Amino acid sequence: MSDVIFYVALIWMTTLLVTAAVTVIRAGDAMTRILALDVLTLVLTALLVLYSTTTETSYYLDAALLLALLSFLSSIAAARYYSVGRIF
């Protein structure tokens, strides 16, 4: 039963990853690209957590945490640059 759930989650996350990547490439507005890139990194973080639970190693959780932190900071910086024109 857990294998079925894992494969369904893996297929769903891969579909979301491809959809977010296509949105980043084809979006016309800069803010839409920023949001799609944030979703892309969120899905990558979820895939790392999913892979970490299946392999039972904690190294991927560290990478997921670092990716989530960098994604948050870059989204804040990009949104501020887009709205104000400068980061600081």
C-alpha atoms as a PDB file:
ATOM      1  CA  MET A   1       0.000   0.000   0.000  1.00  0.00           C
ATOM      2  CA  SER A   2       2.770   2.454   0.850  1.00  0.00           C
ATOM      3  CA  ASP A   3       4.503   1.738  -2.461  1.00  0.00           C
ATOM      4  CA  VAL A   4       1.372   2.742  -4.334  1.00  0.00           C
ATOM      5  CA  ILE A   5       1.127   5.981  -2.375  1.00  0.00           C
ATOM      6  CA  PHE A   6       4.808   6.709  -3.004  1.00  0.00           C
ATOM      7  CA  TYR A   7       4.501   6.220  -6.768  1.00  0.00           C
ATOM      8  CA  VAL A   8       1.324   8.299  -6.956  1.00  0.00           C
ATOM      9  CA  ALA A   9       3.033  11.094  -5.023  1.00  0.00           C
ATOM     10  CA  LEU A  10       6.128  10.825  -7.212  1.00  0.00           C
ATOM     11  CA  ILE A  11       4.109  11.059 -10.415  1.00  0.00           C
ATOM     12  CA  TRP A  12       2.082  13.960  -9.038  1.00  0.00           C
ATOM     13  CA  MET A  13       5.167  15.890  -7.920  1.00  0.00           C
ATOM     14  CA  THR A  14       6.867  15.298 -11.269  1.00  0.00           C
ATOM     15  CA  THR A  15       3.778  16.594 -13.087  1.00  0.00           C
ATOM     16  CA  LEU A  16       3.754  19.685 -10.885  1.00  0.00           C
ATOM     17  CA  LEU A  17       7.475  20.175 -11.486  1.00  0.00           C
ATOM     18  CA  VAL A  18       7.045  20.109 -15.263  1.00  0.00           C
ATOM     19  CA  THR A  19       4.034  22.428 -15.084  1.00  0.00           C
ATOM     20  CA  ALA A  20       5.916  24.940 -12.956  1.00  0.00           C
ATOM     21  CA  ALA A  21       8.935  24.819 -15.255  1.00  0.00           C
ATOM     22  CA  VAL A  22       6.751  25.471 -18.291  1.00  0.00           C
ATOM     23  CA  THR A  23       5.097  28.370 -16.466  1.00  0.00           C
ATOM     24  CA  VAL A  24       8.487  29.886 -15.628  1.00  0.00           C
ATOM     25  CA  ILE A  25       9.506  29.708 -19.281  1.00  0.00           C
ATOM     26  CA  ARG A  26       6.247  30.860 -20.874  1.00  0.00           C
ATOM     27  CA  ALA A  27       5.016  33.479 -18.385  1.00  0.00           C
ATOM     28  CA  GLY A  28       4.705  36.964 -19.763  1.00  0.00           C
ATOM     29  CA  ASP A  29       4.812  38.938 -16.531  1.00  0.00           C
ATOM     30  CA  ALA A  30       7.835  39.120 -14.229  1.00  0.00           C
ATOM     31  CA  MET A  31       5.761  38.637 -11.080  1.00  0.00           C
ATOM     32  CA  THR A  32       4.206  35.484 -12.539  1.00  0.00           C
ATOM     33  CA  ARG A  33       7.690  34.142 -13.207  1.00  0.00           C
ATOM     34  CA  ILE A  34       8.741  34.903  -9.648  1.00  0.00           C
ATOM     35  CA  LEU A  35       5.740  33.035  -8.257  1.00  0.00           C
ATOM     36  CA  ALA A  36       6.201  30.104 -10.642  1.00  0.00           C
ATOM     37  CA  LEU A  37       9.870  29.844  -9.682  1.00  0.00           C
ATOM     38  CA  ASP A  38       8.849  29.811  -6.012  1.00  0.00           C
ATOM     39  CA  VAL A  39       6.396  26.987  -6.736  1.00  0.00           C
ATOM     40  CA  LEU A  40       9.123  25.155  -8.643  1.00  0.00           C
ATOM     41  CA  THR A  41      11.483  25.240  -5.673  1.00  0.00           C
ATOM     42  CA  LEU A  42       8.651  24.227  -3.344  1.00  0.00           C
ATOM     43  CA  VAL A  43       7.974  21.147  -5.469  1.00  0.00           C
ATOM     44  CA  LEU A  44      11.702  20.356  -5.582  1.00  0.00           C
ATOM     45  CA  THR A  45      11.785  20.591  -1.794  1.00  0.00           C
ATOM     46  CA  ALA A  46       8.830  18.216  -1.566  1.00  0.00           C
ATOM     47  CA  LEU A  47      10.558  15.772  -3.911  1.00  0.00           C
ATOM     48  CA  LEU A  48      13.688  15.866  -1.763  1.00  0.00           C
ATOM     49  CA  VAL A  49      11.637  15.145   1.362  1.00  0.00           C
ATOM     50  CA  LEU A  50       9.809  12.321  -0.402  1.00  0.00           C
ATOM     51  CA  TYR A  51      13.079  10.813  -1.568  1.00  0.00           C
ATOM     52  CA  SER A  52      14.582  11.198   1.886  1.00  0.00           C
ATOM     53  CA  THR A  53      11.768   9.264   3.506  1.00  0.00           C
ATOM     54  CA  THR A  54      12.062   6.403   1.040  1.00  0.00           C
ATOM     55  CA  THR A  55      15.842   6.063   1.311  1.00  0.00           C
ATOM     56  CA  GLU A  56      15.779   6.744   5.065  1.00  0.00           C
ATOM     57  CA  THR A  57      18.702   9.184   4.926  1.00  0.00           C
ATOM     58  CA  SER A  58      18.705  12.609   6.487  1.00  0.00           C
ATOM     59  CA  TYR A  59      21.100  14.249   4.045  1.00  0.00           C
ATOM     60  CA  TYR A  60      18.294  15.031   1.653  1.00  0.00           C
ATOM     61  CA  LEU A  61      16.311  16.700   4.431  1.00  0.00           C
ATOM     62  CA  ASP A  62      19.237  19.047   5.006  1.00  0.00           C
ATOM     63  CA  ALA A  63      19.315  19.857   1.300  1.00  0.00           C
ATOM     64  CA  ALA A  64      15.541  20.422   1.305  1.00  0.00           C
ATOM     65  CA  LEU A  65      15.809  22.783   4.256  1.00  0.00           C
ATOM     66  CA  LEU A  66      18.608  24.740   2.591  1.00  0.00           C
ATOM     67  CA  LEU A  67      16.675  24.924  -0.681  1.00  0.00           C
ATOM     68  CA  ALA A  68      13.554  26.163   1.117  1.00  0.00           C
ATOM     69  CA  LEU A  69      15.542  28.856   2.919  1.00  0.00           C
ATOM     70  CA  LEU A  70      17.244  30.056  -0.267  1.00  0.00           C
ATOM     71  CA  SER A  71      13.939  29.983  -2.113  1.00  0.00           C
ATOM     72  CA  PHE A  72      12.268  32.110   0.529  1.00  0.00           C
ATOM     73  CA  LEU A  73      15.061  34.675   0.560  1.00  0.00           C
ATOM     74  CA  SER A  74      15.281  34.883  -3.219  1.00  0.00           C
ATOM     75  CA  SER A  75      11.508  35.271  -3.565  1.00  0.00           C
ATOM     76  CA  ILE A  76      11.520  38.127  -1.069  1.00  0.00           C
ATOM     77  CA  ALA A  77      14.470  39.793  -2.817  1.00  0.00           C
ATOM     78  CA  ALA A  78      12.961  39.387  -6.290  1.00  0.00           C
ATOM     79  CA  ALA A  79       9.551  40.686  -5.226  1.00  0.00           C
ATOM     80  CA  ARG A  80      11.134  43.673  -3.503  1.00  0.00           C
ATOM     81  CA  TYR A  81      13.287  44.430  -6.526  1.00  0.00           C
ATOM     82  CA  TYR A  82      10.262  44.143  -8.801  1.00  0.00           C
ATOM     83  CA  SER A  83       8.094  46.435  -6.686  1.00  0.00           C
ATOM     84  CA  VAL A  84      10.578  49.037  -5.370  1.00  0.00           C
ATOM     85  CA  GLY A  85      13.410  48.826  -7.878  1.00  0.00           C
ATOM     86  CA  ARG A  86      16.116  47.975  -5.349  1.00  0.00           C
ATOM     87  CA  ILE A  87      16.691  45.168  -2.879  1.00  0.00           C
ATOM     88  CA  PHE A  88      17.907  47.143   0.158  1.00  0.00           C
END
